[in-house]
Each structure stands twice: as C-alpha cells, then as structure tokens.
Amino acid sequence: MITIDFHIHSYFSFDSFTTPRQILQEARSKGLNGVAVTDHETIQGGLATAQINEDPNFSVVVGAEYSTEVGDIIGLFLREEIASRDPLKLMQEIHQQDGLVLLPHPFHGHRLDADIVKEVDIIEFFNARETVENNQKASKFAKSWNKPVLCGSDAHLPHDIGTCKMIFSTPNIKAELLRNQGRAVTSYTPRYRISASQIVKAVKLRRYHHVPYHVARLLKRLVLQS
C-alpha cells in the first residue's frame, strides 16, 4: 500500500517555512510513505526533498504549482522547471516531461474553459484548506468531465501534512492516478492554522502591515476552537 499527500509546500514557496527535512519527518510520523512537493513557481522544493530522502520505500514526487491567467495549475512528476505561464503551453510543457497536469482547488480563483479542462489529467476534488461548498462543487465538476481525482492537504505548515492522503494498492502511482484507483482519506485543516499560515505568507512577502490583521484572526479562531 502506498499512502501519499499530493499537495505540500516547502520554504521554496512564498508562503511556507517548512524545510524538506521537516516534510519527510512529518510525513513519516503520519504514516505516509510518499509526498508530492508542489511549491509555487518552482520544482526546487521537490528536488531538495527527493535529494535528502534516503528511504527507498518512500516516494517523493517532484511538482510545482504555477500561477496563470486562468488560475493555478500543478505539474506532477516533473524533471525540469516549466518556462511558460500561458496555461495551454504550460500544460503542454508538463506533458512533454511525461508529467501529469493537476487542477487544484478549481473553484478558488480559476476561470476555466473547455480548452483548458480538456488538457487536465486530474482534478483536486478535495482540498483541506477549501470550503465545504467549493469542495462539493469541485467533486461535481470532476464527475461532469469524467476526470480522475485526488485530494490534497495543501499543507503550508508541517503539522498539516497528511491532513488529506491518497492510498494506492500498487507502487505505480502515476498509472493508479490515471485509472482513478486511489482511495481518498480527507479532513479539513482547522481555520486557526490557515490564519497562522497567512502570517507566514505576510512575513515572507514583507507585507508586514497585514500581520496584525492575521494575528487578530488567529486569536479569534483559537478562542472559537477552545
């Protein structure tokens, strides 16, 4: 059995401080035997995580999440950086590397048309940081297009790794994904941890004037959580 979280960010992203070593340690502590590192705009986090992984029974999928005019697009099983940010050309580059195109959180900042969706290999039907409504819409959307699906934690903090995971019966992850054979185990990231990750993002982007707002939201959500 292969258990993997397909949507994780490291400190190579503009919104995370998580190191590649922390990703491996946290994933193993959660019982995972695979991760996909999908940093914003770069495969460097995936490459770094794969480089320090010394466990032959643990899989590291190199990926990246790219911003385009139609919304974010993730490439999985990449070997090289993707140059284009034109959505169709970007997906073509992913396929030229024998990678898979994943459409993450399709109802969060996306403007999709048929030409785009046709080139998508897999749709993220459940994102741990998304709303229930958006996840329900994503699931229906994937079914309407008859696309394979996966879930992802979209982890920006170490503790959020493994919030969502996919379980496969064979180690051929790519083929299992395309056959839609994975079993999803889903749960939501607590809202207070999403607020905490927004503080990280504000600090890394040097938007310090946003920090008090996110701290206030964090405190409010911690009070509601207790």
Protein backbone atom coordinates (compact mmCIF):
# COMPACT_ATOMS: atom_id res chain seq x y z
CA MET A 1 0.00 0.00 0.00
CA ILE A 2 1.24 3.48 -0.90
CA THR A 3 -0.09 6.42 1.11
CA ILE A 4 0.77 9.86 -0.23
CA ASP A 5 -0.12 13.53 0.25
CA PHE A 6 -0.10 15.20 -3.18
CA HIS A 7 -0.12 18.91 -2.28
CA ILE A 8 2.63 20.19 0.05
CA HIS A 9 4.59 23.44 0.12
CA SER A 10 8.13 23.95 1.42
CA TYR A 11 10.16 27.06 2.20
CA PHE A 12 10.88 27.39 -1.52
CA SER A 13 7.33 28.77 -1.72
CA PHE A 14 6.46 32.34 -0.79
CA ASP A 15 4.01 31.11 1.86
CA SER A 16 5.81 28.42 3.86
CA PHE A 17 8.78 28.00 6.19
CA THR A 18 8.66 24.17 6.11
CA THR A 19 12.02 22.56 5.27
CA PRO A 20 12.39 19.47 3.08
CA ARG A 21 13.64 17.54 6.12
CA GLN A 22 10.56 18.57 8.11
CA ILE A 23 8.37 17.35 5.25
CA LEU A 24 9.97 13.91 5.35
CA GLN A 25 9.91 13.68 9.13
CA GLU A 26 6.29 14.81 9.44
CA ALA A 27 5.11 12.59 6.61
CA ARG A 28 6.69 9.50 8.16
CA SER A 29 5.26 10.37 11.58
CA LYS A 30 1.79 10.49 9.96
CA GLY A 31 2.24 7.05 8.41
CA LEU A 32 2.75 8.31 4.87
CA ASN A 33 5.19 6.63 2.54
CA GLY A 34 5.09 9.30 -0.11
CA VAL A 35 4.72 13.05 -0.69
CA ALA A 36 4.37 15.40 -3.62
CA VAL A 37 6.12 18.72 -3.05
CA THR A 38 4.35 21.34 -5.15
CA ASP A 39 5.90 24.71 -4.40
CA HIS A 40 4.74 27.89 -6.06
CA GLU A 41 6.56 28.57 -9.34
CA THR A 42 9.44 26.13 -8.77
CA ILE A 43 10.38 22.45 -8.51
CA GLN A 44 13.31 23.24 -6.20
CA GLY A 45 11.48 22.08 -3.07
CA GLY A 46 10.62 18.76 -4.66
CA LEU A 47 14.16 18.25 -5.90
CA ALA A 48 15.63 19.12 -2.50
CA THR A 49 13.25 16.74 -0.71
CA ALA A 50 14.00 13.92 -3.13
CA GLN A 51 17.74 14.52 -2.74
CA ILE A 52 17.74 14.07 1.05
CA ASN A 53 15.30 11.15 1.03
CA GLU A 54 17.35 8.06 1.89
CA ASP A 55 14.42 5.64 2.21
CA PRO A 56 13.96 3.54 -0.96
CA ASN A 57 10.43 2.70 0.20
CA PHE A 58 9.42 6.36 0.45
CA SER A 59 8.34 8.17 -2.74
CA VAL A 60 8.95 11.85 -3.43
CA VAL A 61 7.01 13.24 -6.39
CA VAL A 62 8.58 16.43 -7.75
CA GLY A 63 5.98 19.01 -8.67
CA ALA A 64 5.16 22.72 -8.73
CA GLU A 65 2.12 24.98 -8.61
CA TYR A 66 2.16 27.65 -11.30
CA SER A 67 0.15 30.87 -11.45
CA THR A 68 -1.56 31.53 -14.79
CA GLU A 69 -4.21 33.88 -16.10
CA VAL A 70 -6.84 31.17 -15.58
CA GLY A 71 -5.72 30.19 -12.08
CA ASP A 72 -3.19 27.83 -10.51
CA ILE A 73 -2.06 24.71 -12.37
CA ILE A 74 0.07 21.98 -10.79
CA GLY A 75 2.55 19.79 -12.62
CA LEU A 76 3.39 16.42 -11.07
CA PHE A 77 6.32 14.07 -11.86
CA LEU A 78 8.45 16.90 -13.24
CA ARG A 79 12.16 16.80 -14.00
CA GLU A 80 12.75 20.40 -15.12
CA GLU A 81 11.31 23.83 -14.45
CA ILE A 82 8.38 24.92 -16.59
CA ALA A 83 9.14 28.10 -18.57
CA SER A 84 5.75 29.18 -19.90
CA ARG A 85 2.94 30.73 -17.87
CA ASP A 86 0.47 30.60 -20.74
CA PRO A 87 -1.90 27.91 -19.44
CA LEU A 88 -2.10 25.77 -22.58
CA LYS A 89 1.64 25.99 -23.27
CA LEU A 90 2.39 25.31 -19.61
CA MET A 91 0.31 22.12 -19.68
CA GLN A 92 1.99 21.11 -22.92
CA GLU A 93 5.40 21.51 -21.25
CA ILE A 94 4.26 19.34 -18.34
CA HIS A 95 3.14 16.60 -20.74
CA GLN A 96 6.39 16.85 -22.68
CA GLN A 97 8.15 15.80 -19.46
CA ASP A 98 5.74 12.88 -19.16
CA GLY A 99 4.25 14.69 -16.18
CA LEU A 100 0.63 14.96 -15.11
CA VAL A 101 -1.47 18.13 -15.04
CA LEU A 102 -3.38 18.57 -11.79
CA LEU A 103 -6.06 21.23 -11.45
CA PRO A 104 -6.01 22.27 -7.77
CA HIS A 105 -8.97 23.77 -5.89
CA PRO A 106 -10.83 24.52 -9.17
CA PHE A 107 -13.29 26.93 -7.55
CA HIS A 108 -10.66 29.10 -5.89
CA GLY A 109 -9.56 31.84 -8.27
CA HIS A 110 -9.99 29.93 -11.52
CA ARG A 111 -11.54 30.99 -14.82
CA LEU A 112 -11.81 27.76 -16.79
CA ASP A 113 -12.98 26.97 -20.30
CA ALA A 114 -13.32 23.72 -22.20
CA ASP A 115 -9.93 24.03 -23.93
CA ILE A 116 -8.20 24.23 -20.56
CA VAL A 117 -10.12 21.46 -18.83
CA LYS A 118 -9.60 19.03 -21.73
CA GLU A 119 -5.83 19.15 -21.13
CA VAL A 120 -6.15 18.48 -17.39
CA ASP A 121 -5.28 14.93 -16.29
CA ILE A 122 -6.54 15.03 -12.70
CA ILE A 123 -8.75 17.31 -10.63
CA GLU A 124 -8.28 18.00 -6.94
CA PHE A 125 -11.79 17.23 -5.74
CA PHE A 126 -10.98 17.93 -2.07
CA ASN A 127 -8.56 20.50 -0.69
CA ALA A 128 -8.12 20.57 3.08
CA ARG A 129 -7.97 24.37 3.17
CA GLU A 130 -11.03 24.91 0.99
CA THR A 131 -14.66 25.43 2.00
CA VAL A 132 -17.14 22.57 2.06
CA GLU A 133 -19.11 24.28 -0.71
CA ASN A 134 -16.09 24.63 -3.01
CA ASN A 135 -15.06 21.02 -2.45
CA GLN A 136 -18.55 19.81 -3.25
CA LYS A 137 -18.53 21.87 -6.44
CA ALA A 138 -15.09 20.51 -7.35
CA SER A 139 -16.28 16.93 -6.92
CA LYS A 140 -19.30 17.51 -9.17
CA PHE A 141 -17.11 19.32 -11.68
CA ALA A 142 -14.69 16.38 -11.92
CA LYS A 143 -17.56 13.93 -12.41
CA SER A 144 -19.10 16.09 -15.13
CA TRP A 145 -15.80 15.95 -17.04
CA ASN A 146 -15.16 12.28 -16.19
CA LYS A 147 -11.73 13.18 -14.82
CA PRO A 148 -9.67 11.20 -12.27
CA VAL A 149 -9.49 12.87 -8.87
CA LEU A 150 -7.25 13.21 -5.87
CA CYS A 151 -7.28 15.05 -2.55
CA GLY A 152 -4.53 17.24 -1.15
CA SER A 153 -3.68 18.85 2.15
CA ASP A 154 -2.24 21.99 0.52
CA ALA A 155 -0.01 21.99 3.60
CA HIS A 156 1.85 25.22 4.38
CA LEU A 157 2.74 24.20 7.94
CA PRO A 158 4.43 20.92 8.92
CA HIS A 159 1.55 19.76 11.11
CA ASP A 160 -0.88 20.00 8.16
CA ILE A 161 0.97 17.38 6.12
CA GLY A 162 -1.19 14.28 5.78
CA THR A 163 -4.46 16.09 6.53
CA CYS A 164 -5.55 14.56 3.23
CA LYS A 165 -3.98 11.49 1.68
CA MET A 166 -4.41 9.08 -1.20
CA ILE A 167 -3.98 5.34 -0.76
CA PHE A 168 -2.95 3.07 -3.64
CA SER A 169 -2.70 -0.70 -3.84
CA THR A 170 0.41 -0.71 -6.05
CA PRO A 171 3.58 1.43 -6.19
CA ASN A 172 2.81 2.58 -9.76
CA ILE A 173 1.36 5.87 -8.54
CA LYS A 174 1.07 7.57 -11.91
CA ALA A 175 -0.85 4.73 -13.53
CA GLU A 176 -3.09 4.37 -10.48
CA LEU A 177 -3.90 8.09 -10.61
CA LEU A 178 -4.85 7.99 -14.28
CA ARG A 179 -7.04 4.92 -13.68
CA ASN A 180 -8.68 6.76 -10.78
CA GLN A 181 -7.85 3.84 -8.49
CA GLY A 182 -6.70 5.75 -5.41
CA ARG A 183 -8.74 5.90 -2.23
CA ALA A 184 -9.04 9.36 -0.67
CA VAL A 185 -8.90 9.96 3.08
CA THR A 186 -9.97 13.53 3.77
CA SER A 187 -10.24 16.00 6.61
CA TYR A 188 -10.18 19.77 6.92
CA THR A 189 -7.35 21.98 8.17
CA PRO A 190 -8.55 23.90 11.25
CA ARG A 191 -9.23 27.52 10.36
CA TYR A 192 -6.83 28.83 13.01
CA ARG A 193 -3.94 27.04 11.28
CA ILE A 194 -4.91 28.63 7.99
CA SER A 195 -4.70 32.01 9.74
CA ALA A 196 -1.26 31.03 11.08
CA SER A 197 -0.10 30.21 7.55
CA GLN A 198 -1.32 33.61 6.37
CA ILE A 199 1.01 35.22 8.91
CA VAL A 200 3.89 33.23 7.41
CA LYS A 201 2.90 34.42 3.94
CA ALA A 202 2.71 38.06 5.01
CA VAL A 203 6.15 37.87 6.65
CA LYS A 204 7.83 36.16 3.69
CA LEU A 205 6.33 38.67 1.25
CA ARG A 206 7.27 41.51 3.64
CA ARG A 207 3.68 42.64 3.83
CA TYR A 208 4.14 43.45 7.48
CA HIS A 209 1.09 45.69 7.59
CA HIS A 210 -1.05 42.56 7.02
CA VAL A 211 0.38 40.75 10.06
CA PRO A 212 -1.80 42.41 12.77
CA TYR A 213 -4.95 41.51 10.84
CA HIS A 214 -3.96 37.85 10.51
CA VAL A 215 -2.83 37.70 14.14
CA ALA A 216 -6.24 39.02 15.20
CA ARG A 217 -7.97 36.37 13.05
CA LEU A 218 -5.73 33.70 14.51
CA LEU A 219 -6.55 34.70 18.08
CA LYS A 220 -10.26 34.85 17.29
CA ARG A 221 -10.23 31.41 15.75
CA LEU A 222 -8.22 29.99 18.65
CA VAL A 223 -10.86 31.31 21.04
CA LEU A 224 -13.63 29.75 18.95
CA GLN A 225 -11.67 26.48 18.79
CA SER A 226 -11.37 26.24 22.58
